[in-house]
Amino acid sequence: MPKKTDFYKGLKLLGTQKEQKLNDKIREAINNRSFIESISKNSQQQVPRINKIQEASERMSIIMNYPTKKDVANVAKLVIQLEEKVDKVEELLLNLTEGKKASRRKNDKNTEQGHKKKKISDFLYDSLLSNTQVKVKGL
């Protein structure tokens, strides 16, 4: 059994050393200006080829009737816009229903106040009427 653990420890040590060497080489390459410039030139040469492949893929998608990456992105944007509009409509409906409830409560309060005002006005009218009747009789 000790041989297996020694093997795995040795393998782990070897892997760590190789990883360190590879990381050092990557750092050297990234810090090497001429290497970065050559990669940049090469990537610029690849751009027209990539564009041609994308155009061919889009043409084939029309013929074969399958969606492209752009189509999926457009649908995603439309779905997001639709969700926002649905949220706005829900909010408006909520405001309307709350507004109706509030106006009903307000109408109920107004009718109660109206009844109180009527009672007060009736009282005043009756008292004025009775006062004038008393004065008329007393004349």
C-alpha atoms as a PDB file:
ATOM      1  CA  MET A   1       0.000   0.000   0.000  1.00  0.00           C
ATOM      2  CA  PRO A   2       2.780   2.537   0.686  1.00  0.00           C
ATOM      3  CA  LYS A   3       3.896   2.238  -2.937  1.00  0.00           C
ATOM      4  CA  LYS A   4       0.543   3.539  -4.223  1.00  0.00           C
ATOM      5  CA  THR A   5       0.550   6.585  -1.962  1.00  0.00           C
ATOM      6  CA  ASP A   6       4.159   7.320  -2.948  1.00  0.00           C
ATOM      7  CA  PHE A   7       3.149   6.988  -6.606  1.00  0.00           C
ATOM      8  CA  TYR A   8       0.247   9.420  -6.210  1.00  0.00           C
ATOM      9  CA  LYS A   9       2.359  11.884  -4.226  1.00  0.00           C
ATOM     10  CA  GLY A  10       5.068  11.716  -6.905  1.00  0.00           C
ATOM     11  CA  LEU A  11       2.465  12.134  -9.658  1.00  0.00           C
ATOM     12  CA  LYS A  12       0.974  15.133  -7.869  1.00  0.00           C
ATOM     13  CA  LEU A  13       4.425  16.682  -7.424  1.00  0.00           C
ATOM     14  CA  LEU A  14       5.282  16.090 -11.093  1.00  0.00           C
ATOM     15  CA  GLY A  15       1.938  17.608 -12.198  1.00  0.00           C
ATOM     16  CA  THR A  16       2.491  20.665 -10.018  1.00  0.00           C
ATOM     17  CA  GLN A  17       5.984  21.162 -11.461  1.00  0.00           C
ATOM     18  CA  LYS A  18       4.763  20.841 -15.069  1.00  0.00           C
ATOM     19  CA  GLU A  19       1.896  23.237 -14.346  1.00  0.00           C
ATOM     20  CA  GLN A  20       4.369  25.767 -12.926  1.00  0.00           C
ATOM     21  CA  LYS A  21       6.622  25.463 -16.005  1.00  0.00           C
ATOM     22  CA  LEU A  22       3.661  25.871 -18.345  1.00  0.00           C
ATOM     23  CA  ASN A  23       2.424  28.937 -16.432  1.00  0.00           C
ATOM     24  CA  ASP A  24       5.918  30.450 -16.642  1.00  0.00           C
ATOM     25  CA  LYS A  25       6.013  29.911 -20.420  1.00  0.00           C
ATOM     26  CA  ILE A  26       2.573  31.487 -20.796  1.00  0.00           C
ATOM     27  CA  ARG A  27       3.667  34.518 -18.760  1.00  0.00           C
ATOM     28  CA  GLU A  28       6.800  34.877 -20.908  1.00  0.00           C
ATOM     29  CA  ALA A  29       4.730  34.676 -24.089  1.00  0.00           C
ATOM     30  CA  ILE A  30       2.227  37.232 -22.849  1.00  0.00           C
ATOM     31  CA  ASN A  31       5.021  39.601 -21.857  1.00  0.00           C
ATOM     32  CA  ASN A  32       6.764  39.137 -25.242  1.00  0.00           C
ATOM     33  CA  ARG A  33       5.625  42.029 -27.435  1.00  0.00           C
ATOM     34  CA  SER A  34       6.613  40.432 -30.762  1.00  0.00           C
ATOM     35  CA  PHE A  35       4.613  37.306 -29.921  1.00  0.00           C
ATOM     36  CA  ILE A  36       1.501  39.363 -29.117  1.00  0.00           C
ATOM     37  CA  GLU A  37       1.894  41.387 -32.324  1.00  0.00           C
ATOM     38  CA  SER A  38       2.174  38.239 -34.474  1.00  0.00           C
ATOM     39  CA  ILE A  39      -0.962  36.790 -32.852  1.00  0.00           C
ATOM     40  CA  SER A  40      -2.785  40.072 -33.430  1.00  0.00           C
ATOM     41  CA  LYS A  41      -1.842  40.100 -37.138  1.00  0.00           C
ATOM     42  CA  ASN A  42      -2.888  36.496 -37.509  1.00  0.00           C
ATOM     43  CA  SER A  43      -6.250  37.129 -35.850  1.00  0.00           C
ATOM     44  CA  GLN A  44      -6.858  40.137 -38.117  1.00  0.00           C
ATOM     45  CA  GLN A  45      -6.312  37.877 -41.119  1.00  0.00           C
ATOM     46  CA  GLN A  46      -8.891  35.438 -39.759  1.00  0.00           C
ATOM     47  CA  VAL A  47     -11.668  38.055 -39.401  1.00  0.00           C
ATOM     48  CA  PRO A  48     -12.696  38.074 -43.116  1.00  0.00           C
ATOM     49  CA  ARG A  49     -12.795  34.275 -43.141  1.00  0.00           C
ATOM     50  CA  ILE A  50     -14.983  34.195 -40.052  1.00  0.00           C
ATOM     51  CA  ASN A  51     -17.344  36.767 -41.586  1.00  0.00           C
ATOM     52  CA  LYS A  52     -17.632  34.679 -44.770  1.00  0.00           C
ATOM     53  CA  ILE A  53     -18.421  31.572 -42.734  1.00  0.00           C
ATOM     54  CA  GLN A  54     -21.106  33.469 -40.794  1.00  0.00           C
ATOM     55  CA  GLU A  55     -22.679  34.753 -44.007  1.00  0.00           C
ATOM     56  CA  ALA A  56     -22.676  31.259 -45.502  1.00  0.00           C
ATOM     57  CA  SER A  57     -24.231  29.904 -42.329  1.00  0.00           C
ATOM     58  CA  GLU A  58     -26.989  32.523 -42.465  1.00  0.00           C
ATOM     59  CA  ARG A  59     -27.703  31.732 -46.125  1.00  0.00           C
ATOM     60  CA  MET A  60     -27.883  28.036 -45.322  1.00  0.00           C
ATOM     61  CA  SER A  61     -30.208  28.740 -42.403  1.00  0.00           C
ATOM     62  CA  ILE A  62     -32.651  30.391 -44.791  1.00  0.00           C
ATOM     63  CA  ILE A  63     -32.538  27.416 -47.136  1.00  0.00           C
ATOM     64  CA  MET A  64     -32.612  24.783 -44.384  1.00  0.00           C
ATOM     65  CA  ASN A  65     -35.061  26.796 -42.243  1.00  0.00           C
ATOM     66  CA  TYR A  66     -33.185  26.718 -38.932  1.00  0.00           C
ATOM     67  CA  PRO A  67     -32.523  29.679 -36.653  1.00  0.00           C
ATOM     68  CA  THR A  68     -29.175  31.422 -36.515  1.00  0.00           C
ATOM     69  CA  LYS A  69     -27.477  32.891 -33.493  1.00  0.00           C
ATOM     70  CA  LYS A  70     -28.807  36.327 -34.477  1.00  0.00           C
ATOM     71  CA  ASP A  71     -32.349  34.969 -34.738  1.00  0.00           C
ATOM     72  CA  VAL A  72     -32.164  33.518 -31.242  1.00  0.00           C
ATOM     73  CA  ALA A  73     -30.731  36.791 -29.893  1.00  0.00           C
ATOM     74  CA  ASN A  74     -33.553  38.771 -31.546  1.00  0.00           C
ATOM     75  CA  VAL A  75     -36.174  36.452 -30.083  1.00  0.00           C
ATOM     76  CA  ALA A  76     -34.582  36.824 -26.648  1.00  0.00           C
ATOM     77  CA  LYS A  77     -34.760  40.624 -26.955  1.00  0.00           C
ATOM     78  CA  LEU A  78     -38.403  40.431 -28.019  1.00  0.00           C
ATOM     79  CA  VAL A  79     -39.231  38.168 -25.087  1.00  0.00           C
ATOM     80  CA  ILE A  80     -37.612  40.610 -22.670  1.00  0.00           C
ATOM     81  CA  GLN A  81     -39.563  43.513 -24.189  1.00  0.00           C
ATOM     82  CA  LEU A  82     -42.771  41.490 -23.982  1.00  0.00           C
ATOM     83  CA  GLU A  83     -42.154  40.642 -20.327  1.00  0.00           C
ATOM     84  CA  GLU A  84     -41.626  44.324 -19.559  1.00  0.00           C
ATOM     85  CA  LYS A  85     -44.880  45.242 -21.314  1.00  0.00           C
ATOM     86  CA  VAL A  86     -46.799  42.509 -19.485  1.00  0.00           C
ATOM     87  CA  ASP A  87     -45.393  43.795 -16.189  1.00  0.00           C
ATOM     88  CA  LYS A  88     -46.579  47.308 -17.065  1.00  0.00           C
ATOM     89  CA  VAL A  89     -50.058  46.043 -17.971  1.00  0.00           C
ATOM     90  CA  GLU A  90     -50.250  44.067 -14.712  1.00  0.00           C
ATOM     91  CA  GLU A  91     -49.203  47.161 -12.787  1.00  0.00           C
ATOM     92  CA  LEU A  92     -51.846  49.261 -14.555  1.00  0.00           C
ATOM     93  CA  LEU A  93     -54.529  46.679 -13.813  1.00  0.00           C
ATOM     94  CA  LEU A  94     -53.479  46.555 -10.191  1.00  0.00           C
ATOM     95  CA  ASN A  95     -53.625  50.348  -9.983  1.00  0.00           C
ATOM     96  CA  LEU A  96     -57.046  50.371 -11.617  1.00  0.00           C
ATOM     97  CA  THR A  97     -58.482  47.768  -9.265  1.00  0.00           C
ATOM     98  CA  GLU A  98     -56.981  49.542  -6.252  1.00  0.00           C
ATOM     99  CA  GLY A  99     -58.303  52.839  -7.607  1.00  0.00           C
ATOM    100  CA  LYS A 100     -61.806  51.390  -7.939  1.00  0.00           C
ATOM    101  CA  LYS A 101     -61.652  50.055  -4.403  1.00  0.00           C
ATOM    102  CA  ALA A 102     -60.445  53.415  -3.148  1.00  0.00           C
ATOM    103  CA  SER A 103     -63.134  55.285  -5.079  1.00  0.00           C
ATOM    104  CA  ARG A 104     -65.782  52.923  -3.691  1.00  0.00           C
ATOM    105  CA  ARG A 105     -64.510  53.591  -0.202  1.00  0.00           C
ATOM    106  CA  LYS A 106     -64.461  57.299  -0.982  1.00  0.00           C
ATOM    107  CA  ASN A 107     -67.992  57.124  -2.394  1.00  0.00           C
ATOM    108  CA  ASP A 108     -69.133  55.266   0.701  1.00  0.00           C
ATOM    109  CA  LYS A 109     -67.569  57.974   2.895  1.00  0.00           C
ATOM    110  CA  ASN A 110     -69.093  60.688   0.702  1.00  0.00           C
ATOM    111  CA  THR A 111     -72.536  59.132   0.952  1.00  0.00           C
ATOM    112  CA  GLU A 112     -72.143  58.888   4.730  1.00  0.00           C
ATOM    113  CA  GLN A 113     -71.050  62.513   4.842  1.00  0.00           C
ATOM    114  CA  GLY A 114     -73.873  63.378   2.475  1.00  0.00           C
ATOM    115  CA  HIS A 115     -76.347  61.739   4.809  1.00  0.00           C
ATOM    116  CA  LYS A 116     -74.865  63.659   7.738  1.00  0.00           C
ATOM    117  CA  LYS A 117     -75.042  66.895   5.749  1.00  0.00           C
ATOM    118  CA  LYS A 118     -78.644  66.127   4.867  1.00  0.00           C
ATOM    119  CA  LYS A 119     -79.451  65.490   8.501  1.00  0.00           C
ATOM    120  CA  ILE A 120     -77.813  68.756   9.503  1.00  0.00           C
ATOM    121  CA  SER A 121     -79.546  70.653   6.728  1.00  0.00           C
ATOM    122  CA  ASP A 122     -82.849  68.993   7.602  1.00  0.00           C
ATOM    123  CA  PHE A 123     -82.325  69.944  11.223  1.00  0.00           C
ATOM    124  CA  LEU A 124     -81.525  73.531  10.311  1.00  0.00           C
ATOM    125  CA  TYR A 125     -84.466  73.713   7.938  1.00  0.00           C
ATOM    126  CA  ASP A 126     -86.820  72.247  10.520  1.00  0.00           C
ATOM    127  CA  SER A 127     -85.558  74.563  13.230  1.00  0.00           C
ATOM    128  CA  LEU A 128     -85.854  77.605  10.967  1.00  0.00           C
ATOM    129  CA  LEU A 129     -89.289  76.504   9.900  1.00  0.00           C
ATOM    130  CA  SER A 130     -90.404  75.968  13.459  1.00  0.00           C
ATOM    131  CA  ASN A 131     -88.930  79.344  14.496  1.00  0.00           C
ATOM    132  CA  THR A 132     -90.767  81.135  11.739  1.00  0.00           C
ATOM    133  CA  GLN A 133     -93.969  79.301  12.585  1.00  0.00           C
ATOM    134  CA  VAL A 134     -93.618  80.261  16.217  1.00  0.00           C
ATOM    135  CA  LYS A 135     -93.030  83.901  15.254  1.00  0.00           C
ATOM    136  CA  VAL A 136     -95.941  83.881  12.854  1.00  0.00           C
ATOM    137  CA  LYS A 137     -98.266  82.414  15.492  1.00  0.00           C
ATOM    138  CA  GLY A 138     -96.982  84.850  18.042  1.00  0.00           C
ATOM    139  CA  LEU A 139     -97.791  87.821  15.901  1.00  0.00           C
END
